[in-house]
Amino acid sequence: MDTVLLVLNVLAALGAAGSSVAGVVKPGLGLRPDEETTAGVHFYTRAYAARALPLGVVTALVLVWGPSVAVVPLLVVSGLAQVGDSVLGIMRRNLGMALGAGAFAVIHLLAAILWS
């Protein structure tokens, strides 16, 4: 397993998990300045964290400690989740979300292809 690609994937997985925590702490991060932080926004950030936090942590742990048979499937799932997050960022016109999640998607899916 290429060390650089491994480190990039661990950082991407933990970055996604960390962004979900940041969203729970400050739910307005993903909103435009003219948008209000409503109860629905608070709910969405917690729902997002309920998926992104365990997926990111488990992906990072499996990349580092195995089992190796789980690496490619987890990278595919993580990559596809990031594709969805990137599409949401595009729809919301949130450049950071669109580009960050898009970059994480490329990292995960490229690694899945290279390691399969």
PDB file of N, CA and C in Angstrom:
ATOM      1  N   MET A   1       0.847  -1.174   0.000  1.00  0.00           N
ATOM      2  CA  MET A   1       0.000   0.000   0.000  1.00  0.00           C
ATOM      3  C   MET A   1       0.896   1.242   0.000  1.00  0.00           C
ATOM      4  N   ASP A   2       0.673   2.154  -0.918  1.00  0.00           N
ATOM      5  CA  ASP A   2       1.455   3.370  -1.045  1.00  0.00           C
ATOM      6  C   ASP A   2       1.229   4.259   0.173  1.00  0.00           C
ATOM      7  N   THR A   3       2.323   4.669   0.825  1.00  0.00           N
ATOM      8  CA  THR A   3       2.232   5.441   2.062  1.00  0.00           C
ATOM      9  C   THR A   3       1.554   6.789   1.852  1.00  0.00           C
ATOM     10  N   VAL A   4       1.883   7.483   0.768  1.00  0.00           N
ATOM     11  CA  VAL A   4       1.281   8.790   0.512  1.00  0.00           C
ATOM     12  C   VAL A   4      -0.227   8.658   0.328  1.00  0.00           C
ATOM     13  N   LEU A   5      -0.643   7.667  -0.452  1.00  0.00           N
ATOM     14  CA  LEU A   5      -2.071   7.457  -0.684  1.00  0.00           C
ATOM     15  C   LEU A   5      -2.773   7.032   0.606  1.00  0.00           C
ATOM     16  N   LEU A   6      -2.107   6.234   1.407  1.00  0.00           N
ATOM     17  CA  LEU A   6      -2.665   5.828   2.700  1.00  0.00           C
ATOM     18  C   LEU A   6      -2.889   7.049   3.585  1.00  0.00           C
ATOM     19  N   VAL A   7      -1.870   7.896   3.710  1.00  0.00           N
ATOM     20  CA  VAL A   7      -1.971   9.086   4.555  1.00  0.00           C
ATOM     21  C   VAL A   7      -3.059  10.029   4.034  1.00  0.00           C
ATOM     22  N   LEU A   8      -3.118  10.234   2.719  1.00  0.00           N
ATOM     23  CA  LEU A   8      -4.165  11.087   2.141  1.00  0.00           C
ATOM     24  C   LEU A   8      -5.556  10.565   2.469  1.00  0.00           C
ATOM     25  N   ASN A   9      -5.735   9.262   2.389  1.00  0.00           N
ATOM     26  CA  ASN A   9      -7.043   8.678   2.675  1.00  0.00           C
ATOM     27  C   ASN A   9      -7.400   8.763   4.148  1.00  0.00           C
ATOM     28  N   VAL A  10      -6.446   8.550   5.018  1.00  0.00           N
ATOM     29  CA  VAL A  10      -6.707   8.687   6.456  1.00  0.00           C
ATOM     30  C   VAL A  10      -7.081  10.135   6.772  1.00  0.00           C
ATOM     31  N   LEU A  11      -6.331  11.087   6.199  1.00  0.00           N
ATOM     32  CA  LEU A  11      -6.637  12.496   6.437  1.00  0.00           C
ATOM     33  C   LEU A  11      -8.001  12.887   5.865  1.00  0.00           C
ATOM     34  N   ALA A  12      -8.339  12.364   4.692  1.00  0.00           N
ATOM     35  CA  ALA A  12      -9.645  12.645   4.101  1.00  0.00           C
ATOM     36  C   ALA A  12     -10.764  12.086   4.963  1.00  0.00           C
ATOM     37  N   ALA A  13     -10.593  10.854   5.449  1.00  0.00           N
ATOM     38  CA  ALA A  13     -11.618  10.233   6.298  1.00  0.00           C
ATOM     39  C   ALA A  13     -11.795  11.017   7.596  1.00  0.00           C
ATOM     40  N   LEU A  14     -10.679  11.389   8.213  1.00  0.00           N
ATOM     41  CA  LEU A  14     -10.766  12.151   9.460  1.00  0.00           C
ATOM     42  C   LEU A  14     -11.242  13.579   9.215  1.00  0.00           C
ATOM     43  N   GLY A  15     -10.906  14.131   8.053  1.00  0.00           N
ATOM     44  CA  GLY A  15     -11.397  15.468   7.690  1.00  0.00           C
ATOM     45  C   GLY A  15     -12.904  15.497   7.556  1.00  0.00           C
ATOM     46  N   ALA A  16     -13.455  14.463   6.929  1.00  0.00           N
ATOM     47  CA  ALA A  16     -14.910  14.369   6.800  1.00  0.00           C
ATOM     48  C   ALA A  16     -15.558  14.216   8.170  1.00  0.00           C
ATOM     49  N   ALA A  17     -14.976  13.376   9.010  1.00  0.00           N
ATOM     50  CA  ALA A  17     -15.510  13.193  10.362  1.00  0.00           C
ATOM     51  C   ALA A  17     -15.422  14.501  11.143  1.00  0.00           C
ATOM     52  N   GLY A  18     -14.296  15.174  11.021  1.00  0.00           N
ATOM     53  CA  GLY A  18     -14.104  16.441  11.725  1.00  0.00           C
ATOM     54  C   GLY A  18     -15.053  17.533  11.256  1.00  0.00           C
ATOM     55  N   SER A  19     -15.333  17.561   9.964  1.00  0.00           N
ATOM     56  CA  SER A  19     -16.258  18.584   9.465  1.00  0.00           C
ATOM     57  C   SER A  19     -17.667  18.349  10.001  1.00  0.00           C
ATOM     58  N   SER A  20     -18.015  17.088  10.238  1.00  0.00           N
ATOM     59  CA  SER A  20     -19.342  16.820  10.806  1.00  0.00           C
ATOM     60  C   SER A  20     -19.423  17.323  12.245  1.00  0.00           C
ATOM     61  N   VAL A  21     -18.343  17.188  12.977  1.00  0.00           N
ATOM     62  CA  VAL A  21     -18.312  17.706  14.350  1.00  0.00           C
ATOM     63  C   VAL A  21     -18.381  19.234  14.327  1.00  0.00           C
ATOM     64  N   ALA A  22     -17.641  19.851  13.397  1.00  0.00           N
ATOM     65  CA  ALA A  22     -17.678  21.311  13.276  1.00  0.00           C
ATOM     66  C   ALA A  22     -19.091  21.794  12.960  1.00  0.00           C
ATOM     67  N   GLY A  23     -19.813  21.042  12.146  1.00  0.00           N
ATOM     68  CA  GLY A  23     -21.190  21.400  11.810  1.00  0.00           C
ATOM     69  C   GLY A  23     -22.121  21.324  13.002  1.00  0.00           C
ATOM     70  N   VAL A  24     -21.893  20.351  13.878  1.00  0.00           N
ATOM     71  CA  VAL A  24     -22.724  20.245  15.086  1.00  0.00           C
ATOM     72  C   VAL A  24     -22.411  21.405  16.037  1.00  0.00           C
ATOM     73  N   VAL A  25     -21.129  21.735  16.160  1.00  0.00           N
ATOM     74  CA  VAL A  25     -20.725  22.825  17.043  1.00  0.00           C
ATOM     75  C   VAL A  25     -21.210  24.175  16.520  1.00  0.00           C
ATOM     76  N   LYS A  26     -21.098  24.371  15.187  1.00  0.00           N
ATOM     77  CA  LYS A  26     -21.530  25.638  14.572  1.00  0.00           C
ATOM     78  C   LYS A  26     -22.375  25.317  13.343  1.00  0.00           C
ATOM     79  N   PRO A  27     -23.667  25.069  13.540  1.00  0.00           N
ATOM     80  CA  PRO A  27     -24.534  24.613  12.457  1.00  0.00           C
ATOM     81  C   PRO A  27     -24.637  25.562  11.265  1.00  0.00           C
ATOM     82  N   GLY A  28     -24.353  26.820  11.433  1.00  0.00           N
ATOM     83  CA  GLY A  28     -24.462  27.774  10.339  1.00  0.00           C
ATOM     84  C   GLY A  28     -23.290  27.758   9.373  1.00  0.00           C
ATOM     85  N   LEU A  29     -22.294  26.917   9.604  1.00  0.00           N
ATOM     86  CA  LEU A  29     -21.113  26.882   8.735  1.00  0.00           C
ATOM     87  C   LEU A  29     -21.456  26.635   7.270  1.00  0.00           C
ATOM     88  N   GLY A  30     -22.411  25.778   7.008  1.00  0.00           N
ATOM     89  CA  GLY A  30     -22.757  25.437   5.639  1.00  0.00           C
ATOM     90  C   GLY A  30     -23.777  26.352   4.994  1.00  0.00           C
ATOM     91  N   LEU A  31     -24.173  27.392   5.706  1.00  0.00           N
ATOM     92  CA  LEU A  31     -25.205  28.287   5.189  1.00  0.00           C
ATOM     93  C   LEU A  31     -24.595  29.545   4.587  1.00  0.00           C
ATOM     94  N   ARG A  32     -25.343  30.151   3.680  1.00  0.00           N
ATOM     95  CA  ARG A  32     -24.970  31.466   3.162  1.00  0.00           C
ATOM     96  C   ARG A  32     -25.208  32.483   4.275  1.00  0.00           C
ATOM     97  N   PRO A  33     -24.514  33.610   4.224  1.00  0.00           N
ATOM     98  CA  PRO A  33     -24.682  34.621   5.292  1.00  0.00           C
ATOM     99  C   PRO A  33     -26.109  35.120   5.461  1.00  0.00           C
ATOM    100  N   ASP A  34     -26.910  35.073   4.398  1.00  0.00           N
ATOM    101  CA  ASP A  34     -28.279  35.577   4.491  1.00  0.00           C
ATOM    102  C   ASP A  34     -29.271  34.532   5.000  1.00  0.00           C
ATOM    103  N   GLU A  35     -28.794  33.328   5.297  1.00  0.00           N
ATOM    104  CA  GLU A  35     -29.691  32.253   5.751  1.00  0.00           C
ATOM    105  C   GLU A  35     -29.670  32.129   7.267  1.00  0.00           C
ATOM    106  N   GLU A  36     -30.815  31.757   7.796  1.00  0.00           N
ATOM    107  CA  GLU A  36     -31.004  31.621   9.229  1.00  0.00           C
ATOM    108  C   GLU A  36     -30.676  30.195   9.687  1.00  0.00           C
ATOM    109  N   THR A  37     -30.090  30.081  10.871  1.00  0.00           N
ATOM    110  CA  THR A  37     -29.849  28.769  11.465  1.00  0.00           C
ATOM    111  C   THR A  37     -31.106  28.356  12.210  1.00  0.00           C
ATOM    112  N   THR A  38     -31.870  27.465  11.601  1.00  0.00           N
ATOM    113  CA  THR A  38     -33.162  27.045  12.140  1.00  0.00           C
ATOM    114  C   THR A  38     -33.031  25.716  12.874  1.00  0.00           C
ATOM    115  N   ALA A  39     -34.138  25.275  13.451  1.00  0.00           N
ATOM    116  CA  ALA A  39     -34.174  23.962  14.094  1.00  0.00           C
ATOM    117  C   ALA A  39     -33.881  22.859  13.079  1.00  0.00           C
ATOM    118  N   GLY A  40     -34.335  23.046  11.844  1.00  0.00           N
ATOM    119  CA  GLY A  40     -34.061  22.070  10.787  1.00  0.00           C
ATOM    120  C   GLY A  40     -32.581  21.972  10.467  1.00  0.00           C
ATOM    121  N   VAL A  41     -31.896  23.100  10.487  1.00  0.00           N
ATOM    122  CA  VAL A  41     -30.448  23.106  10.250  1.00  0.00           C
ATOM    123  C   VAL A  41     -29.742  22.351  11.374  1.00  0.00           C
ATOM    124  N   HIS A  42     -30.147  22.609  12.601  1.00  0.00           N
ATOM    125  CA  HIS A  42     -29.558  21.892  13.743  1.00  0.00           C
ATOM    126  C   HIS A  42     -29.784  20.381  13.598  1.00  0.00           C
ATOM    127  N   PHE A  43     -30.990  19.997  13.207  1.00  0.00           N
ATOM    128  CA  PHE A  43     -31.307  18.586  13.017  1.00  0.00           C
ATOM    129  C   PHE A  43     -30.426  17.988  11.913  1.00  0.00           C
ATOM    130  N   TYR A  44     -30.321  18.671  10.779  1.00  0.00           N
ATOM    131  CA  TYR A  44     -29.532  18.162   9.656  1.00  0.00           C
ATOM    132  C   TYR A  44     -28.067  17.970  10.040  1.00  0.00           C
ATOM    133  N   THR A  45     -27.495  18.928  10.760  1.00  0.00           N
ATOM    134  CA  THR A  45     -26.075  18.796  11.111  1.00  0.00           C
ATOM    135  C   THR A  45     -25.848  17.593  12.025  1.00  0.00           C
ATOM    136  N   ARG A  46     -26.789  17.337  12.915  1.00  0.00           N
ATOM    137  CA  ARG A  46     -26.661  16.167  13.791  1.00  0.00           C
ATOM    138  C   ARG A  46     -26.868  14.871  13.002  1.00  0.00           C
ATOM    139  N   ALA A  47     -27.815  14.880  12.076  1.00  0.00           N
ATOM    140  CA  ALA A  47     -28.046  13.698  11.233  1.00  0.00           C
ATOM    141  C   ALA A  47     -26.822  13.421  10.355  1.00  0.00           C
ATOM    142  N   TYR A  48     -26.225  14.476   9.820  1.00  0.00           N
ATOM    143  CA  TYR A  48     -25.015  14.321   9.014  1.00  0.00           C
ATOM    144  C   TYR A  48     -23.887  13.726   9.860  1.00  0.00           C
ATOM    145  N   ALA A  49     -23.715  14.248  11.078  1.00  0.00           N
ATOM    146  CA  ALA A  49     -22.655  13.749  11.957  1.00  0.00           C
ATOM    147  C   ALA A  49     -22.883  12.293  12.354  1.00  0.00           C
ATOM    148  N   ALA A  50     -24.146  11.910  12.487  1.00  0.00           N
ATOM    149  CA  ALA A  50     -24.452  10.516  12.849  1.00  0.00           C
ATOM    150  C   ALA A  50     -23.958   9.545  11.779  1.00  0.00           C
ATOM    151  N   ARG A  51     -23.845   9.992  10.539  1.00  0.00           N
ATOM    152  CA  ARG A  51     -23.320   9.163   9.453  1.00  0.00           C
ATOM    153  C   ARG A  51     -21.821   9.399   9.250  1.00  0.00           C
ATOM    154  N   ALA A  52     -21.437  10.656   9.160  1.00  0.00           N
ATOM    155  CA  ALA A  52     -20.070  10.991   8.766  1.00  0.00           C
ATOM    156  C   ALA A  52     -19.037  10.666   9.842  1.00  0.00           C
ATOM    157  N   LEU A  53     -19.372  10.875  11.085  1.00  0.00           N
ATOM    158  CA  LEU A  53     -18.390  10.635  12.151  1.00  0.00           C
ATOM    159  C   LEU A  53     -17.994   9.163  12.247  1.00  0.00           C
ATOM    160  N   PRO A  54     -18.940   8.232  12.393  1.00  0.00           N
ATOM    161  CA  PRO A  54     -18.502   6.831  12.469  1.00  0.00           C
ATOM    162  C   PRO A  54     -17.890   6.330  11.166  1.00  0.00           C
ATOM    163  N   LEU A  55     -18.418   6.748  10.023  1.00  0.00           N
ATOM    164  CA  LEU A  55     -17.862   6.290   8.753  1.00  0.00           C
ATOM    165  C   LEU A  55     -16.423   6.770   8.581  1.00  0.00           C
ATOM    166  N   GLY A  56     -16.173   8.025   8.901  1.00  0.00           N
ATOM    167  CA  GLY A  56     -14.820   8.559   8.777  1.00  0.00           C
ATOM    168  C   GLY A  56     -13.836   7.901   9.724  1.00  0.00           C
ATOM    169  N   VAL A  57     -14.242   7.735  10.978  1.00  0.00           N
ATOM    170  CA  VAL A  57     -13.347   7.117  11.972  1.00  0.00           C
ATOM    171  C   VAL A  57     -13.068   5.657  11.626  1.00  0.00           C
ATOM    172  N   VAL A  58     -14.102   4.905  11.279  1.00  0.00           N
ATOM    173  CA  VAL A  58     -13.917   3.489  10.931  1.00  0.00           C
ATOM    174  C   VAL A  58     -13.052   3.348   9.678  1.00  0.00           C
ATOM    175  N   THR A  59     -13.276   4.198   8.686  1.00  0.00           N
ATOM    176  CA  THR A  59     -12.459   4.133   7.473  1.00  0.00           C
ATOM    177  C   THR A  59     -10.990   4.378   7.812  1.00  0.00           C
ATOM    178  N   ALA A  60     -10.710   5.390   8.604  1.00  0.00           N
ATOM    179  CA  ALA A  60      -9.321   5.674   8.991  1.00  0.00           C
ATOM    180  C   ALA A  60      -8.710   4.515   9.770  1.00  0.00           C
ATOM    181  N   LEU A  61      -9.465   3.962  10.722  1.00  0.00           N
ATOM    182  CA  LEU A  61      -8.945   2.852  11.522  1.00  0.00           C
ATOM    183  C   LEU A  61      -8.662   1.609  10.675  1.00  0.00           C
ATOM    184  N   VAL A  62      -9.570   1.294   9.764  1.00  0.00           N
ATOM    185  CA  VAL A  62      -9.373   0.118   8.911  1.00  0.00           C
ATOM    186  C   VAL A  62      -8.196   0.336   7.968  1.00  0.00           C
ATOM    187  N   LEU A  63      -8.017   1.544   7.479  1.00  0.00           N
ATOM    188  CA  LEU A  63      -6.864   1.822   6.617  1.00  0.00           C
ATOM    189  C   LEU A  63      -5.548   1.575   7.352  1.00  0.00           C
ATOM    190  N   VAL A  64      -5.510   1.924   8.615  1.00  0.00           N
ATOM    191  CA  VAL A  64      -4.273   1.802   9.384  1.00  0.00           C
ATOM    192  C   VAL A  64      -4.086   0.390   9.947  1.00  0.00           C
ATOM    193  N   TRP A  65      -5.158  -0.195  10.507  1.00  0.00           N
ATOM    194  CA  TRP A  65      -5.009  -1.453  11.224  1.00  0.00           C
ATOM    195  C   TRP A  65      -5.722  -2.649  10.593  1.00  0.00           C
ATOM    196  N   GLY A  66      -6.460  -2.442   9.515  1.00  0.00           N
ATOM    197  CA  GLY A  66      -7.121  -3.566   8.856  1.00  0.00           C
ATOM    198  C   GLY A  66      -8.437  -3.925   9.504  1.00  0.00           C
ATOM    199  N   PRO A  67      -9.071  -4.946   9.045  1.00  0.00           N
ATOM    200  CA  PRO A  67      -8.599  -5.987   8.135  1.00  0.00           C
ATOM    201  C   PRO A  67      -8.526  -5.496   6.690  1.00  0.00           C
ATOM    202  N   SER A  68      -7.546  -5.977   5.973  1.00  0.00           N
ATOM    203  CA  SER A  68      -7.298  -5.487   4.626  1.00  0.00           C
ATOM    204  C   SER A  68      -8.447  -5.768   3.665  1.00  0.00           C
ATOM    205  N   VAL A  69      -9.229  -6.825   3.903  1.00  0.00           N
ATOM    206  CA  VAL A  69     -10.357  -7.120   3.007  1.00  0.00           C
ATOM    207  C   VAL A  69     -11.440  -6.052   3.093  1.00  0.00           C
ATOM    208  N   ALA A  70     -11.442  -5.265   4.154  1.00  0.00           N
ATOM    209  CA  ALA A  70     -12.461  -4.227   4.331  1.00  0.00           C
ATOM    210  C   ALA A  70     -12.050  -2.887   3.725  1.00  0.00           C
ATOM    211  N   VAL A  71     -10.783  -2.728   3.353  1.00  0.00           N
ATOM    212  CA  VAL A  71     -10.287  -1.427   2.896  1.00  0.00           C
ATOM    213  C   VAL A  71     -11.006  -0.946   1.645  1.00  0.00           C
ATOM    214  N   VAL A  72     -11.001  -1.728   0.588  1.00  0.00           N
ATOM    215  CA  VAL A  72     -11.595  -1.286  -0.679  1.00  0.00           C
ATOM    216  C   VAL A  72     -13.097  -1.022  -0.538  1.00  0.00           C
ATOM    217  N   PRO A  73     -13.881  -1.921   0.062  1.00  0.00           N
ATOM    218  CA  PRO A  73     -15.306  -1.608   0.219  1.00  0.00           C
ATOM    219  C   PRO A  73     -15.561  -0.329   1.031  1.00  0.00           C
ATOM    220  N   LEU A  74     -14.791  -0.108   2.086  1.00  0.00           N
ATOM    221  CA  LEU A  74     -14.974   1.110   2.884  1.00  0.00           C
ATOM    222  C   LEU A  74     -14.583   2.355   2.094  1.00  0.00           C
ATOM    223  N   LEU A  75     -13.538   2.255   1.288  1.00  0.00           N
ATOM    224  CA  LEU A  75     -13.149   3.394   0.462  1.00  0.00           C
ATOM    225  C   LEU A  75     -14.226   3.720  -0.570  1.00  0.00           C
ATOM    226  N   VAL A  76     -14.836   2.694  -1.135  1.00  0.00           N
ATOM    227  CA  VAL A  76     -15.912   2.922  -2.108  1.00  0.00           C
ATOM    228  C   VAL A  76     -17.101   3.602  -1.426  1.00  0.00           C
ATOM    229  N   VAL A  77     -17.517   3.086  -0.281  1.00  0.00           N
ATOM    230  CA  VAL A  77     -18.645   3.686   0.440  1.00  0.00           C
ATOM    231  C   VAL A  77     -18.314   5.115   0.859  1.00  0.00           C
ATOM    232  N   SER A  78     -17.124   5.317   1.395  1.00  0.00           N
ATOM    233  CA  SER A  78     -16.721   6.664   1.815  1.00  0.00           C
ATOM    234  C   SER A  78     -16.639   7.604   0.618  1.00  0.00           C
ATOM    235  N   GLY A  79     -16.103   7.118  -0.484  1.00  0.00           N
ATOM    236  CA  GLY A  79     -16.002   7.934  -1.690  1.00  0.00           C
ATOM    237  C   GLY A  79     -17.366   8.322  -2.230  1.00  0.00           C
ATOM    238  N   LEU A  80     -18.289   7.367  -2.257  1.00  0.00           N
ATOM    239  CA  LEU A  80     -19.636   7.664  -2.751  1.00  0.00           C
ATOM    240  C   LEU A  80     -20.369   8.633  -1.824  1.00  0.00           C
ATOM    241  N   ALA A  81     -20.155   8.493  -0.520  1.00  0.00           N
ATOM    242  CA  ALA A  81     -20.755   9.448   0.426  1.00  0.00           C
ATOM    243  C   ALA A  81     -20.215  10.851   0.156  1.00  0.00           C
ATOM    244  N   GLN A  82     -18.926  10.942  -0.155  1.00  0.00           N
ATOM    245  CA  GLN A  82     -18.329  12.242  -0.451  1.00  0.00           C
ATOM    246  C   GLN A  82     -18.849  12.813  -1.770  1.00  0.00           C
ATOM    247  N   VAL A  83     -19.110  11.943  -2.747  1.00  0.00           N
ATOM    248  CA  VAL A  83     -19.729  12.412  -3.993  1.00  0.00           C
ATOM    249  C   VAL A  83     -21.069  13.066  -3.666  1.00  0.00           C
ATOM    250  N   GLY A  84     -21.860  12.402  -2.836  1.00  0.00           N
ATOM    251  CA  GLY A  84     -23.151  12.969  -2.429  1.00  0.00           C
ATOM    252  C   GLY A  84     -22.985  14.292  -1.712  1.00  0.00           C
ATOM    253  N   ASP A  85     -22.011  14.376  -0.814  1.00  0.00           N
ATOM    254  CA  ASP A  85     -21.765  15.631  -0.098  1.00  0.00           C
ATOM    255  C   ASP A  85     -21.326  16.730  -1.059  1.00  0.00           C
ATOM    256  N   SER A  86     -20.519  16.381  -2.048  1.00  0.00           N
ATOM    257  CA  SER A  86     -20.074  17.361  -3.036  1.00  0.00           C
ATOM    258  C   SER A  86     -21.249  17.876  -3.871  1.00  0.00           C
ATOM    259  N   VAL A  87     -22.135  16.977  -4.259  1.00  0.00           N
ATOM    260  CA  VAL A  87     -23.325  17.382  -5.015  1.00  0.00           C
ATOM    261  C   VAL A  87     -24.185  18.326  -4.170  1.00  0.00           C
ATOM    262  N   LEU A  88     -24.337  18.001  -2.892  1.00  0.00           N
ATOM    263  CA  LEU A  88     -25.091  18.899  -2.008  1.00  0.00           C
ATOM    264  C   LEU A  88     -24.422  20.265  -1.920  1.00  0.00           C
ATOM    265  N   GLY A  89     -23.090  20.273  -1.851  1.00  0.00           N
ATOM    266  CA  GLY A  89     -22.357  21.538  -1.827  1.00  0.00           C
ATOM    267  C   GLY A  89     -22.586  22.348  -3.090  1.00  0.00           C
ATOM    268  N   ILE A  90     -22.612  21.668  -4.237  1.00  0.00           N
ATOM    269  CA  ILE A  90     -22.885  22.351  -5.504  1.00  0.00           C
ATOM    270  C   ILE A  90     -24.303  22.920  -5.497  1.00  0.00           C
ATOM    271  N   MET A  91     -25.253  22.105  -5.054  1.00  0.00           N
ATOM    272  CA  MET A  91     -26.650  22.555  -5.017  1.00  0.00           C
ATOM    273  C   MET A  91     -26.835  23.757  -4.087  1.00  0.00           C
ATOM    274  N   ARG A  92     -26.091  23.783  -2.990  1.00  0.00           N
ATOM    275  CA  ARG A  92     -26.202  24.876  -2.015  1.00  0.00           C
ATOM    276  C   ARG A  92     -25.308  26.049  -2.387  1.00  0.00           C
ATOM    277  N   ARG A  93     -24.542  25.891  -3.462  1.00  0.00           N
ATOM    278  CA  ARG A  93     -23.562  26.914  -3.876  1.00  0.00           C
ATOM    279  C   ARG A  93     -22.566  27.193  -2.758  1.00  0.00           C
ATOM    280  N   ASN A  94     -22.174  26.108  -2.085  1.00  0.00           N
ATOM    281  CA  ASN A  94     -21.173  26.174  -1.020  1.00  0.00           C
ATOM    282  C   ASN A  94     -19.877  25.628  -1.609  1.00  0.00           C
ATOM    283  N   LEU A  95     -19.016  26.520  -2.050  1.00  0.00           N
ATOM    284  CA  LEU A  95     -17.799  26.125  -2.762  1.00  0.00           C
ATOM    285  C   LEU A  95     -16.887  25.245  -1.909  1.00  0.00           C
ATOM    286  N   GLY A  96     -16.737  25.580  -0.640  1.00  0.00           N
ATOM    287  CA  GLY A  96     -15.877  24.783   0.239  1.00  0.00           C
ATOM    288  C   GLY A  96     -16.361  23.355   0.370  1.00  0.00           C
ATOM    289  N   MET A  97     -17.655  23.195   0.572  1.00  0.00           N
ATOM    290  CA  MET A  97     -18.238  21.859   0.694  1.00  0.00           C
ATOM    291  C   MET A  97     -18.115  21.091  -0.624  1.00  0.00           C
ATOM    292  N   ALA A  98     -18.408  21.775  -1.730  1.00  0.00           N
ATOM    293  CA  ALA A  98     -18.351  21.117  -3.040  1.00  0.00           C
ATOM    294  C   ALA A  98     -16.933  20.654  -3.362  1.00  0.00           C
ATOM    295  N   LEU A  99     -15.961  21.531  -3.160  1.00  0.00           N
ATOM    296  CA  LEU A  99     -14.579  21.186  -3.511  1.00  0.00           C
ATOM    297  C   LEU A  99     -13.940  20.238  -2.494  1.00  0.00           C
ATOM    298  N   GLY A 100     -14.189  20.480  -1.212  1.00  0.00           N
ATOM    299  CA  GLY A 100     -13.608  19.612  -0.184  1.00  0.00           C
ATOM    300  C   GLY A 100     -14.114  18.189  -0.296  1.00  0.00           C
ATOM    301  N   ALA A 101     -15.425  18.033  -0.349  1.00  0.00           N
ATOM    302  CA  ALA A 101     -16.002  16.693  -0.475  1.00  0.00           C
ATOM    303  C   ALA A 101     -15.630  16.071  -1.814  1.00  0.00           C
ATOM    304  N   GLY A 102     -15.568  16.889  -2.857  1.00  0.00           N
ATOM    305  CA  GLY A 102     -15.169  16.372  -4.168  1.00  0.00           C
ATOM    306  C   GLY A 102     -13.743  15.846  -4.156  1.00  0.00           C
ATOM    307  N   ALA A 103     -12.850  16.577  -3.499  1.00  0.00           N
ATOM    308  CA  ALA A 103     -11.463  16.122  -3.392  1.00  0.00           C
ATOM    309  C   ALA A 103     -11.379  14.828  -2.582  1.00  0.00           C
ATOM    310  N   PHE A 104     -12.117  14.760  -1.483  1.00  0.00           N
ATOM    311  CA  PHE A 104     -12.119  13.541  -0.673  1.00  0.00           C
ATOM    312  C   PHE A 104     -12.673  12.364  -1.464  1.00  0.00           C
ATOM    313  N   ALA A 105     -13.693  12.619  -2.277  1.00  0.00           N
ATOM    314  CA  ALA A 105     -14.269  11.558  -3.122  1.00  0.00           C
ATOM    315  C   ALA A 105     -13.227  11.024  -4.090  1.00  0.00           C
ATOM    316  N   VAL A 106     -12.508  11.912  -4.740  1.00  0.00           N
ATOM    317  CA  VAL A 106     -11.471  11.491  -5.694  1.00  0.00           C
ATOM    318  C   VAL A 106     -10.395  10.676  -4.989  1.00  0.00           C
ATOM    319  N   ILE A 107      -9.958  11.141  -3.836  1.00  0.00           N
ATOM    320  CA  ILE A 107      -8.915  10.432  -3.078  1.00  0.00           C
ATOM    321  C   ILE A 107      -9.383   9.023  -2.734  1.00  0.00           C
ATOM    322  N   HIS A 108     -10.581   8.897  -2.164  1.00  0.00           N
ATOM    323  CA  HIS A 108     -11.083   7.581  -1.750  1.00  0.00           C
ATOM    324  C   HIS A 108     -11.327   6.658  -2.948  1.00  0.00           C
ATOM    325  N   LEU A 109     -11.968   7.163  -3.976  1.00  0.00           N
ATOM    326  CA  LEU A 109     -12.313   6.299  -5.113  1.00  0.00           C
ATOM    327  C   LEU A 109     -11.083   5.921  -5.930  1.00  0.00           C
ATOM    328  N   LEU A 110     -10.139   6.831  -6.078  1.00  0.00           N
ATOM    329  CA  LEU A 110      -8.888   6.500  -6.760  1.00  0.00           C
ATOM    330  C   LEU A 110      -8.128   5.413  -6.006  1.00  0.00           C
ATOM    331  N   ALA A 111      -8.059   5.565  -4.697  1.00  0.00           N
ATOM    332  CA  ALA A 111      -7.378   4.544  -3.882  1.00  0.00           C
ATOM    333  C   ALA A 111      -8.086   3.211  -3.985  1.00  0.00           C
ATOM    334  N   ALA A 112      -9.404   3.217  -3.978  1.00  0.00           N
ATOM    335  CA  ALA A 112     -10.153   1.958  -4.108  1.00  0.00           C
ATOM    336  C   ALA A 112      -9.823   1.273  -5.425  1.00  0.00           C
ATOM    337  N   ILE A 113      -9.719   2.039  -6.494  1.00  0.00           N
ATOM    338  CA  ILE A 113      -9.365   1.465  -7.797  1.00  0.00           C
ATOM    339  C   ILE A 113      -7.943   0.921  -7.782  1.00  0.00           C
ATOM    340  N   LEU A 114      -7.011   1.698  -7.252  1.00  0.00           N
ATOM    341  CA  LEU A 114      -5.609   1.285  -7.241  1.00  0.00           C
ATOM    342  C   LEU A 114      -5.350   0.083  -6.339  1.00  0.00           C
ATOM    343  N   TRP A 115      -6.105  -0.029  -5.242  1.00  0.00           N
ATOM    344  CA  TRP A 115      -5.885  -1.123  -4.297  1.00  0.00           C
ATOM    345  C   TRP A 115      -6.738  -2.344  -4.544  1.00  0.00           C
ATOM    346  N   SER A 116      -7.600  -2.293  -5.577  1.00  0.00           N
ATOM    347  CA  SER A 116      -8.453  -3.463  -5.816  1.00  0.00           C
ATOM    348  C   SER A 116      -7.794  -4.434  -6.796  1.00  0.00           C
TER     349      SER A 116
END
